Amino acid sequence: MATTASDQEVFERWERAIQFRLLADSLEPTRTVPEQVAAQVGDRIIAGQLAPGARIGEQELADEFAISRGPVREAIRILEREGLVAVLPRRGAVVTSLSAQELRELFEIRAGLVEIALRKVMAAGLPPELLAVTRAGVARLEVLADAPDGGDAYAETTYRLIQIGAHFAGNERLRRMIAALSLQSLRYSKLGLATVARRQRSVRLWRQALKALERGDVEQTLRLARQRSEESAEEAARRLEPADNA
């Protein structure tokens, strides 16, 4: 797929602006101590450095960040609110386990919100900048789809493309809701896009959606977006269900 240098420059500018991390909308110097701790622990969970079920020790975090346990407890509450941590009786805080039921709920809600955002964007006339970003983003996906170790980067690129599209909807609350749900579902997306075969299927749908976007075909663009989401969710669920039933 041919892209111009201008398309790539626009994509790279947006790529730097979109972060897949907790509290990305707030500036680092203005965060409270609990928010700073939550952001760093959240990064570890999203990156897979803390596995599902891993214990989040209050004292260990207090020692690591040289703070009292009060701010740590507040950080854990933030992580719990964002769906990354669960507080269990007699066990304390643990990284949330991935489950087929949760992922289907997350993907269903996110797909509905993304559809609202896309309709708003296209009703106002597709911004040339968004089209340029999508062209360059799909070109990036085509490279990552064939790379044996490209799964995480592919999922992160799709995350960015969804967030960029939501920025153009002109509804800040909608954008924040999509960002929060996308962050919660990123671990599932990486699972659903782990194989080359899945990514190749996904990028074919992205190419078709780009052509529909260029034609201004709203319904086809929306149908393909939902299909991508559903197929990714089903693959992730298929991988999780043996563990759910164990």
C-alpha atoms as a PDB file:
ATOM      1  CA  MET A   1       0.000   0.000   0.000  1.00  0.00           C
ATOM      2  CA  ALA A   2       1.539   3.297  -1.086  1.00  0.00           C
ATOM      3  CA  THR A   3       1.832   6.059   1.480  1.00  0.00           C
ATOM      4  CA  THR A   4       3.453   9.449   1.156  1.00  0.00           C
ATOM      5  CA  ALA A   5       6.154  10.964   3.340  1.00  0.00           C
ATOM      6  CA  SER A   6       3.534  13.447   4.495  1.00  0.00           C
ATOM      7  CA  ASP A   7       1.216  10.621   5.613  1.00  0.00           C
ATOM      8  CA  GLN A   8       4.063   9.068   7.586  1.00  0.00           C
ATOM      9  CA  GLU A   9       4.982  12.374   9.242  1.00  0.00           C
ATOM     10  CA  VAL A  10       1.390  12.924  10.367  1.00  0.00           C
ATOM     11  CA  PHE A  11       1.182   9.385  11.725  1.00  0.00           C
ATOM     12  CA  GLU A  12       4.457   9.701  13.634  1.00  0.00           C
ATOM     13  CA  ARG A  13       3.297  12.974  15.203  1.00  0.00           C
ATOM     14  CA  TRP A  14       0.083  11.371  16.406  1.00  0.00           C
ATOM     15  CA  GLU A  15       1.978   8.230  17.442  1.00  0.00           C
ATOM     16  CA  ARG A  16       4.042  10.283  19.869  1.00  0.00           C
ATOM     17  CA  ALA A  17       0.895  11.878  21.276  1.00  0.00           C
ATOM     18  CA  ILE A  18      -1.017   8.645  21.939  1.00  0.00           C
ATOM     19  CA  GLN A  19       0.272   6.608  24.859  1.00  0.00           C
ATOM     20  CA  PHE A  20      -1.054   3.254  25.950  1.00  0.00           C
ATOM     21  CA  ARG A  21      -0.695   3.839  29.657  1.00  0.00           C
ATOM     22  CA  LEU A  22      -2.792   4.634  32.672  1.00  0.00           C
ATOM     23  CA  LEU A  23      -3.517   8.342  33.300  1.00  0.00           C
ATOM     24  CA  ALA A  24      -1.918   9.284  29.981  1.00  0.00           C
ATOM     25  CA  ASP A  25      -4.118  12.393  29.759  1.00  0.00           C
ATOM     26  CA  SER A  26      -2.623  13.967  32.875  1.00  0.00           C
ATOM     27  CA  LEU A  27       0.755  15.689  32.838  1.00  0.00           C
ATOM     28  CA  GLU A  28       3.465  13.934  34.840  1.00  0.00           C
ATOM     29  CA  PRO A  29       4.357  16.911  37.095  1.00  0.00           C
ATOM     30  CA  THR A  30       0.713  17.452  38.085  1.00  0.00           C
ATOM     31  CA  ARG A  31      -0.026  13.874  39.159  1.00  0.00           C
ATOM     32  CA  THR A  32      -0.518  13.077  42.814  1.00  0.00           C
ATOM     33  CA  VAL A  33       1.797  10.539  44.422  1.00  0.00           C
ATOM     34  CA  PRO A  34      -0.883   7.781  44.273  1.00  0.00           C
ATOM     35  CA  GLU A  35      -1.463   8.546  40.577  1.00  0.00           C
ATOM     36  CA  GLN A  36       2.261   8.325  39.854  1.00  0.00           C
ATOM     37  CA  VAL A  37       2.495   4.956  41.589  1.00  0.00           C
ATOM     38  CA  ALA A  38      -0.661   3.682  39.863  1.00  0.00           C
ATOM     39  CA  ALA A  39       0.675   4.776  36.465  1.00  0.00           C
ATOM     40  CA  GLN A  40       3.966   2.926  36.910  1.00  0.00           C
ATOM     41  CA  VAL A  41       2.363  -0.259  38.235  1.00  0.00           C
ATOM     42  CA  GLY A  42      -0.251  -0.047  35.465  1.00  0.00           C
ATOM     43  CA  ASP A  43       2.530   0.141  32.874  1.00  0.00           C
ATOM     44  CA  ARG A  44       3.969  -3.102  34.232  1.00  0.00           C
ATOM     45  CA  ILE A  45       0.600  -4.856  34.083  1.00  0.00           C
ATOM     46  CA  ILE A  46      -0.151  -3.711  30.540  1.00  0.00           C
ATOM     47  CA  ALA A  47       3.354  -4.690  29.383  1.00  0.00           C
ATOM     48  CA  GLY A  48       2.915  -8.151  30.889  1.00  0.00           C
ATOM     49  CA  GLN A  49       5.678  -7.704  33.457  1.00  0.00           C
ATOM     50  CA  LEU A  50       3.108  -8.450  36.166  1.00  0.00           C
ATOM     51  CA  ALA A  51       1.133 -11.544  35.211  1.00  0.00           C
ATOM     52  CA  PRO A  52      -2.562 -12.144  35.943  1.00  0.00           C
ATOM     53  CA  GLY A  53      -2.915 -13.258  39.552  1.00  0.00           C
ATOM     54  CA  ALA A  54       0.350 -11.629  40.639  1.00  0.00           C
ATOM     55  CA  ARG A  55       0.124 -10.121  44.107  1.00  0.00           C
ATOM     56  CA  ILE A  56       0.518  -6.345  44.470  1.00  0.00           C
ATOM     57  CA  GLY A  57       2.152  -5.968  47.883  1.00  0.00           C
ATOM     58  CA  GLU A  58       1.463  -2.711  49.712  1.00  0.00           C
ATOM     59  CA  GLN A  59       4.667  -2.806  51.727  1.00  0.00           C
ATOM     60  CA  GLU A  60       6.802  -3.767  48.733  1.00  0.00           C
ATOM     61  CA  LEU A  61       5.485  -0.777  46.762  1.00  0.00           C
ATOM     62  CA  ALA A  62       5.875   1.521  49.752  1.00  0.00           C
ATOM     63  CA  ASP A  63       9.520   0.446  50.048  1.00  0.00           C
ATOM     64  CA  GLU A  64      10.144   0.741  46.296  1.00  0.00           C
ATOM     65  CA  PHE A  65       8.750   4.271  46.033  1.00  0.00           C
ATOM     66  CA  ALA A  66       9.921   5.361  49.508  1.00  0.00           C
ATOM     67  CA  ILE A  67       6.434   6.399  50.611  1.00  0.00           C
ATOM     68  CA  SER A  68       3.971   5.400  53.311  1.00  0.00           C
ATOM     69  CA  ARG A  69       1.337   2.726  52.724  1.00  0.00           C
ATOM     70  CA  GLY A  70      -1.487   5.300  52.574  1.00  0.00           C
ATOM     71  CA  PRO A  71      -0.631   6.560  49.056  1.00  0.00           C
ATOM     72  CA  VAL A  72      -0.035   2.960  47.983  1.00  0.00           C
ATOM     73  CA  ARG A  73      -3.556   1.984  49.053  1.00  0.00           C
ATOM     74  CA  GLU A  74      -4.943   4.901  47.055  1.00  0.00           C
ATOM     75  CA  ALA A  75      -2.863   3.818  44.040  1.00  0.00           C
ATOM     76  CA  ILE A  76      -4.322   0.326  44.327  1.00  0.00           C
ATOM     77  CA  ARG A  77      -7.838   1.809  44.403  1.00  0.00           C
ATOM     78  CA  ILE A  78      -7.036   3.647  41.146  1.00  0.00           C
ATOM     79  CA  LEU A  79      -5.811   0.423  39.555  1.00  0.00           C
ATOM     80  CA  GLU A  80      -8.934  -1.369  40.781  1.00  0.00           C
ATOM     81  CA  ARG A  81     -11.143   1.327  39.269  1.00  0.00           C
ATOM     82  CA  GLU A  82      -9.348   0.906  35.945  1.00  0.00           C
ATOM     83  CA  GLY A  83      -9.930  -2.853  35.970  1.00  0.00           C
ATOM     84  CA  LEU A  84      -6.260  -3.807  36.247  1.00  0.00           C
ATOM     85  CA  VAL A  85      -6.267  -4.935  39.878  1.00  0.00           C
ATOM     86  CA  ALA A  86      -8.769  -6.764  42.094  1.00  0.00           C
ATOM     87  CA  VAL A  87      -8.768  -6.591  45.895  1.00  0.00           C
ATOM     88  CA  LEU A  88      -9.610 -10.026  47.283  1.00  0.00           C
ATOM     89  CA  PRO A  89     -10.464 -11.049  50.852  1.00  0.00           C
ATOM     90  CA  ARG A  90      -7.407 -12.428  52.714  1.00  0.00           C
ATOM     91  CA  ARG A  91      -5.257 -12.067  49.588  1.00  0.00           C
ATOM     92  CA  GLY A  92      -5.107  -8.342  49.122  1.00  0.00           C
ATOM     93  CA  ALA A  93      -4.530  -6.773  45.722  1.00  0.00           C
ATOM     94  CA  VAL A  94      -3.772  -8.983  42.719  1.00  0.00           C
ATOM     95  CA  VAL A  95      -3.508  -8.357  38.985  1.00  0.00           C
ATOM     96  CA  THR A  96      -6.868  -9.160  37.430  1.00  0.00           C
ATOM     97  CA  SER A  97      -7.112 -12.461  35.604  1.00  0.00           C
ATOM     98  CA  LEU A  98      -8.077 -12.468  31.957  1.00  0.00           C
ATOM     99  CA  SER A  99     -11.474 -14.063  31.345  1.00  0.00           C
ATOM    100  CA  ALA A 100     -13.506 -14.757  28.220  1.00  0.00           C
ATOM    101  CA  GLN A 101     -16.596 -13.214  29.797  1.00  0.00           C
ATOM    102  CA  GLU A 102     -14.874  -9.949  30.689  1.00  0.00           C
ATOM    103  CA  LEU A 103     -13.228  -9.579  27.310  1.00  0.00           C
ATOM    104  CA  ARG A 104     -16.538 -10.048  25.465  1.00  0.00           C
ATOM    105  CA  GLU A 105     -18.135  -7.389  27.667  1.00  0.00           C
ATOM    106  CA  LEU A 106     -15.238  -4.967  27.157  1.00  0.00           C
ATOM    107  CA  PHE A 107     -15.102  -5.461  23.399  1.00  0.00           C
ATOM    108  CA  GLU A 108     -18.876  -5.146  23.035  1.00  0.00           C
ATOM    109  CA  ILE A 109     -18.995  -1.846  24.898  1.00  0.00           C
ATOM    110  CA  ARG A 110     -15.911  -0.472  23.159  1.00  0.00           C
ATOM    111  CA  ALA A 111     -17.258  -1.428  19.720  1.00  0.00           C
ATOM    112  CA  GLY A 112     -20.450   0.510  20.426  1.00  0.00           C
ATOM    113  CA  LEU A 113     -18.547   3.602  21.534  1.00  0.00           C
ATOM    114  CA  VAL A 114     -16.161   3.427  18.580  1.00  0.00           C
ATOM    115  CA  GLU A 115     -19.167   3.244  16.258  1.00  0.00           C
ATOM    116  CA  ILE A 116     -20.597   6.408  17.805  1.00  0.00           C
ATOM    117  CA  ALA A 117     -17.238   8.159  17.371  1.00  0.00           C
ATOM    118  CA  LEU A 118     -16.855   7.049  13.743  1.00  0.00           C
ATOM    119  CA  ARG A 119     -20.362   8.205  12.868  1.00  0.00           C
ATOM    120  CA  LYS A 120     -19.655  11.616  14.376  1.00  0.00           C
ATOM    121  CA  VAL A 121     -16.361  11.919  12.512  1.00  0.00           C
ATOM    122  CA  MET A 122     -17.794  10.926   9.150  1.00  0.00           C
ATOM    123  CA  ALA A 123     -20.995  12.955   9.536  1.00  0.00           C
ATOM    124  CA  ALA A 124     -18.881  16.091   9.737  1.00  0.00           C
ATOM    125  CA  GLY A 125     -16.800  15.120   6.709  1.00  0.00           C
ATOM    126  CA  LEU A 126     -13.707  12.921   6.953  1.00  0.00           C
ATOM    127  CA  PRO A 127     -10.703  15.061   7.998  1.00  0.00           C
ATOM    128  CA  PRO A 128      -7.793  14.690   5.543  1.00  0.00           C
ATOM    129  CA  GLU A 129      -5.432  14.374   8.505  1.00  0.00           C
ATOM    130  CA  LEU A 130      -7.295  11.338   9.819  1.00  0.00           C
ATOM    131  CA  LEU A 131      -7.236   9.715   6.393  1.00  0.00           C
ATOM    132  CA  ALA A 132      -3.473  10.312   6.183  1.00  0.00           C
ATOM    133  CA  VAL A 133      -2.946   8.787   9.642  1.00  0.00           C
ATOM    134  CA  THR A 134      -5.048   5.756   8.723  1.00  0.00           C
ATOM    135  CA  ARG A 135      -3.136   5.171   5.490  1.00  0.00           C
ATOM    136  CA  ALA A 136       0.216   5.272   7.283  1.00  0.00           C
ATOM    137  CA  GLY A 137      -1.103   3.229  10.181  1.00  0.00           C
ATOM    138  CA  VAL A 138      -2.398   0.460   7.916  1.00  0.00           C
ATOM    139  CA  ALA A 139       0.957   0.419   6.130  1.00  0.00           C
ATOM    140  CA  ARG A 140       2.603  -0.118   9.536  1.00  0.00           C
ATOM    141  CA  LEU A 141       0.154  -2.916  10.319  1.00  0.00           C
ATOM    142  CA  GLU A 142       1.002  -4.669   7.047  1.00  0.00           C
ATOM    143  CA  VAL A 143       4.653  -4.900   8.109  1.00  0.00           C
ATOM    144  CA  LEU A 144       3.836  -6.050  11.643  1.00  0.00           C
ATOM    145  CA  ALA A 145       1.286  -8.617  10.454  1.00  0.00           C
ATOM    146  CA  ASP A 146       4.008 -10.727   8.820  1.00  0.00           C
ATOM    147  CA  ALA A 147       6.630 -10.309  11.546  1.00  0.00           C
ATOM    148  CA  PRO A 148       6.815 -13.415  13.782  1.00  0.00           C
ATOM    149  CA  ASP A 149       7.313 -11.246  16.873  1.00  0.00           C
ATOM    150  CA  GLY A 150       5.055  -8.387  15.765  1.00  0.00           C
ATOM    151  CA  GLY A 151       2.001  -9.217  17.880  1.00  0.00           C
ATOM    152  CA  ASP A 152       2.353  -6.698  20.698  1.00  0.00           C
ATOM    153  CA  ALA A 153       3.386  -3.865  18.370  1.00  0.00           C
ATOM    154  CA  TYR A 154       0.490  -4.690  16.040  1.00  0.00           C
ATOM    155  CA  ALA A 155      -2.026  -4.543  18.903  1.00  0.00           C
ATOM    156  CA  GLU A 156      -0.508  -1.284  20.145  1.00  0.00           C
ATOM    157  CA  THR A 157      -0.742   0.237  16.663  1.00  0.00           C
ATOM    158  CA  THR A 158      -4.425  -0.668  16.367  1.00  0.00           C
ATOM    159  CA  TYR A 159      -4.921   0.867  19.825  1.00  0.00           C
ATOM    160  CA  ARG A 160      -3.348   4.114  18.617  1.00  0.00           C
ATOM    161  CA  LEU A 161      -5.435   4.198  15.443  1.00  0.00           C
ATOM    162  CA  ILE A 162      -8.638   3.818  17.480  1.00  0.00           C
ATOM    163  CA  GLN A 163      -7.580   6.576  19.880  1.00  0.00           C
ATOM    164  CA  ILE A 164      -6.621   8.925  17.052  1.00  0.00           C
ATOM    165  CA  GLY A 165      -9.978   8.392  15.368  1.00  0.00           C
ATOM    166  CA  ALA A 166     -11.764   9.131  18.659  1.00  0.00           C
ATOM    167  CA  HIS A 167      -9.893  12.450  18.949  1.00  0.00           C
ATOM    168  CA  PHE A 168     -11.601  13.679  15.773  1.00  0.00           C
ATOM    169  CA  ALA A 169     -15.119  12.961  17.085  1.00  0.00           C
ATOM    170  CA  GLY A 170     -15.215  16.259  18.995  1.00  0.00           C
ATOM    171  CA  ASN A 171     -16.557  14.703  22.210  1.00  0.00           C
ATOM    172  CA  GLU A 172     -14.001  14.676  25.006  1.00  0.00           C
ATOM    173  CA  ARG A 173     -15.987  12.454  27.353  1.00  0.00           C
ATOM    174  CA  LEU A 174     -16.538   9.910  24.584  1.00  0.00           C
ATOM    175  CA  ARG A 175     -12.818   9.964  23.785  1.00  0.00           C
ATOM    176  CA  ARG A 176     -11.889   9.349  27.421  1.00  0.00           C
ATOM    177  CA  MET A 177     -14.336   6.462  27.704  1.00  0.00           C
ATOM    178  CA  ILE A 178     -12.909   4.820  24.573  1.00  0.00           C
ATOM    179  CA  ALA A 179      -9.368   5.340  25.873  1.00  0.00           C
ATOM    180  CA  ALA A 180     -10.169   3.727  29.237  1.00  0.00           C
ATOM    181  CA  LEU A 181     -11.908   0.721  27.685  1.00  0.00           C
ATOM    182  CA  SER A 182      -9.179   0.295  25.084  1.00  0.00           C
ATOM    183  CA  LEU A 183      -6.540   0.282  27.800  1.00  0.00           C
ATOM    184  CA  GLN A 184      -8.438  -2.372  29.754  1.00  0.00           C
ATOM    185  CA  SER A 185      -8.832  -4.468  26.611  1.00  0.00           C
ATOM    186  CA  LEU A 186      -5.244  -4.079  25.353  1.00  0.00           C
ATOM    187  CA  ARG A 187      -4.067  -7.232  27.123  1.00  0.00           C
ATOM    188  CA  TYR A 188      -6.869  -9.134  25.398  1.00  0.00           C
ATOM    189  CA  SER A 189      -6.054  -7.554  22.036  1.00  0.00           C
ATOM    190  CA  LYS A 190      -2.464  -8.752  22.299  1.00  0.00           C
ATOM    191  CA  LEU A 191      -3.731 -12.257  22.982  1.00  0.00           C
ATOM    192  CA  GLY A 192      -6.191 -12.158  20.083  1.00  0.00           C
ATOM    193  CA  LEU A 193      -3.528 -10.896  17.655  1.00  0.00           C
ATOM    194  CA  ALA A 194      -0.672 -13.099  18.820  1.00  0.00           C
ATOM    195  CA  THR A 195      -0.358 -15.249  15.688  1.00  0.00           C
ATOM    196  CA  VAL A 196       0.729 -14.248  12.190  1.00  0.00           C
ATOM    197  CA  ALA A 197      -2.426 -15.815  10.737  1.00  0.00           C
ATOM    198  CA  ARG A 198      -4.686 -13.696  12.959  1.00  0.00           C
ATOM    199  CA  ARG A 199      -2.800 -10.511  12.151  1.00  0.00           C
ATOM    200  CA  GLN A 200      -2.913 -11.215   8.429  1.00  0.00           C
ATOM    201  CA  ARG A 201      -6.679 -11.647   8.664  1.00  0.00           C
ATOM    202  CA  SER A 202      -6.950  -8.461  10.715  1.00  0.00           C
ATOM    203  CA  VAL A 203      -4.878  -6.359   8.320  1.00  0.00           C
ATOM    204  CA  ARG A 204      -7.017  -7.506   5.372  1.00  0.00           C
ATOM    205  CA  LEU A 205     -10.027  -6.054   7.183  1.00  0.00           C
ATOM    206  CA  TRP A 206      -8.098  -2.855   7.903  1.00  0.00           C
ATOM    207  CA  ARG A 207      -7.256  -2.509   4.187  1.00  0.00           C
ATOM    208  CA  GLN A 208     -10.899  -2.977   3.243  1.00  0.00           C
ATOM    209  CA  ALA A 209     -11.955  -0.440   5.872  1.00  0.00           C
ATOM    210  CA  LEU A 210      -9.443   2.074   4.544  1.00  0.00           C
ATOM    211  CA  LYS A 211     -10.900   1.739   1.033  1.00  0.00           C
ATOM    212  CA  ALA A 212     -14.405   2.218   2.456  1.00  0.00           C
ATOM    213  CA  LEU A 213     -13.181   5.241   4.382  1.00  0.00           C
ATOM    214  CA  GLU A 214     -11.705   6.755   1.215  1.00  0.00           C
ATOM    215  CA  ARG A 215     -15.053   6.228  -0.564  1.00  0.00           C
ATOM    216  CA  GLY A 216     -16.947   7.799   2.329  1.00  0.00           C
ATOM    217  CA  ASP A 217     -18.888   4.561   2.848  1.00  0.00           C
ATOM    218  CA  VAL A 218     -19.906   4.919   6.493  1.00  0.00           C
ATOM    219  CA  GLU A 219     -21.818   1.676   6.893  1.00  0.00           C
ATOM    220  CA  GLN A 220     -19.104  -0.478   5.331  1.00  0.00           C
ATOM    221  CA  THR A 221     -16.429   1.175   7.460  1.00  0.00           C
ATOM    222  CA  LEU A 222     -18.473   0.525  10.599  1.00  0.00           C
ATOM    223  CA  ARG A 223     -19.252  -3.060   9.632  1.00  0.00           C
ATOM    224  CA  LEU A 224     -15.587  -3.850   9.072  1.00  0.00           C
ATOM    225  CA  ALA A 225     -14.553  -2.158  12.328  1.00  0.00           C
ATOM    226  CA  ARG A 226     -17.034  -4.267  14.269  1.00  0.00           C
ATOM    227  CA  GLN A 227     -15.962  -7.422  12.422  1.00  0.00           C
ATOM    228  CA  ARG A 228     -12.316  -6.811  13.328  1.00  0.00           C
ATOM    229  CA  SER A 229     -13.226  -6.339  16.957  1.00  0.00           C
ATOM    230  CA  GLU A 230     -15.446  -9.424  17.097  1.00  0.00           C
ATOM    231  CA  GLU A 231     -12.884 -11.683  15.441  1.00  0.00           C
ATOM    232  CA  SER A 232     -10.110 -10.509  17.753  1.00  0.00           C
ATOM    233  CA  ALA A 233     -12.347 -11.011  20.795  1.00  0.00           C
ATOM    234  CA  GLU A 234     -13.341 -14.508  19.690  1.00  0.00           C
ATOM    235  CA  GLU A 235      -9.737 -15.564  19.161  1.00  0.00           C
ATOM    236  CA  ALA A 236      -8.715 -14.235  22.574  1.00  0.00           C
ATOM    237  CA  ALA A 237     -11.743 -15.937  24.159  1.00  0.00           C
ATOM    238  CA  ARG A 238     -10.861 -19.217  22.468  1.00  0.00           C
ATOM    239  CA  ARG A 239      -7.392 -19.043  23.997  1.00  0.00           C
ATOM    240  CA  LEU A 240      -8.764 -18.192  27.430  1.00  0.00           C
ATOM    241  CA  GLU A 241     -11.628 -20.649  27.699  1.00  0.00           C
ATOM    242  CA  PRO A 242      -9.499 -23.714  28.576  1.00  0.00           C
ATOM    243  CA  ALA A 243      -8.099 -21.738  31.520  1.00  0.00           C
ATOM    244  CA  ASP A 244     -11.587 -20.515  32.482  1.00  0.00           C
ATOM    245  CA  ASN A 245     -12.844 -24.105  32.547  1.00  0.00           C
ATOM    246  CA  ALA A 246      -9.849 -25.527  34.400  1.00  0.00           C
END
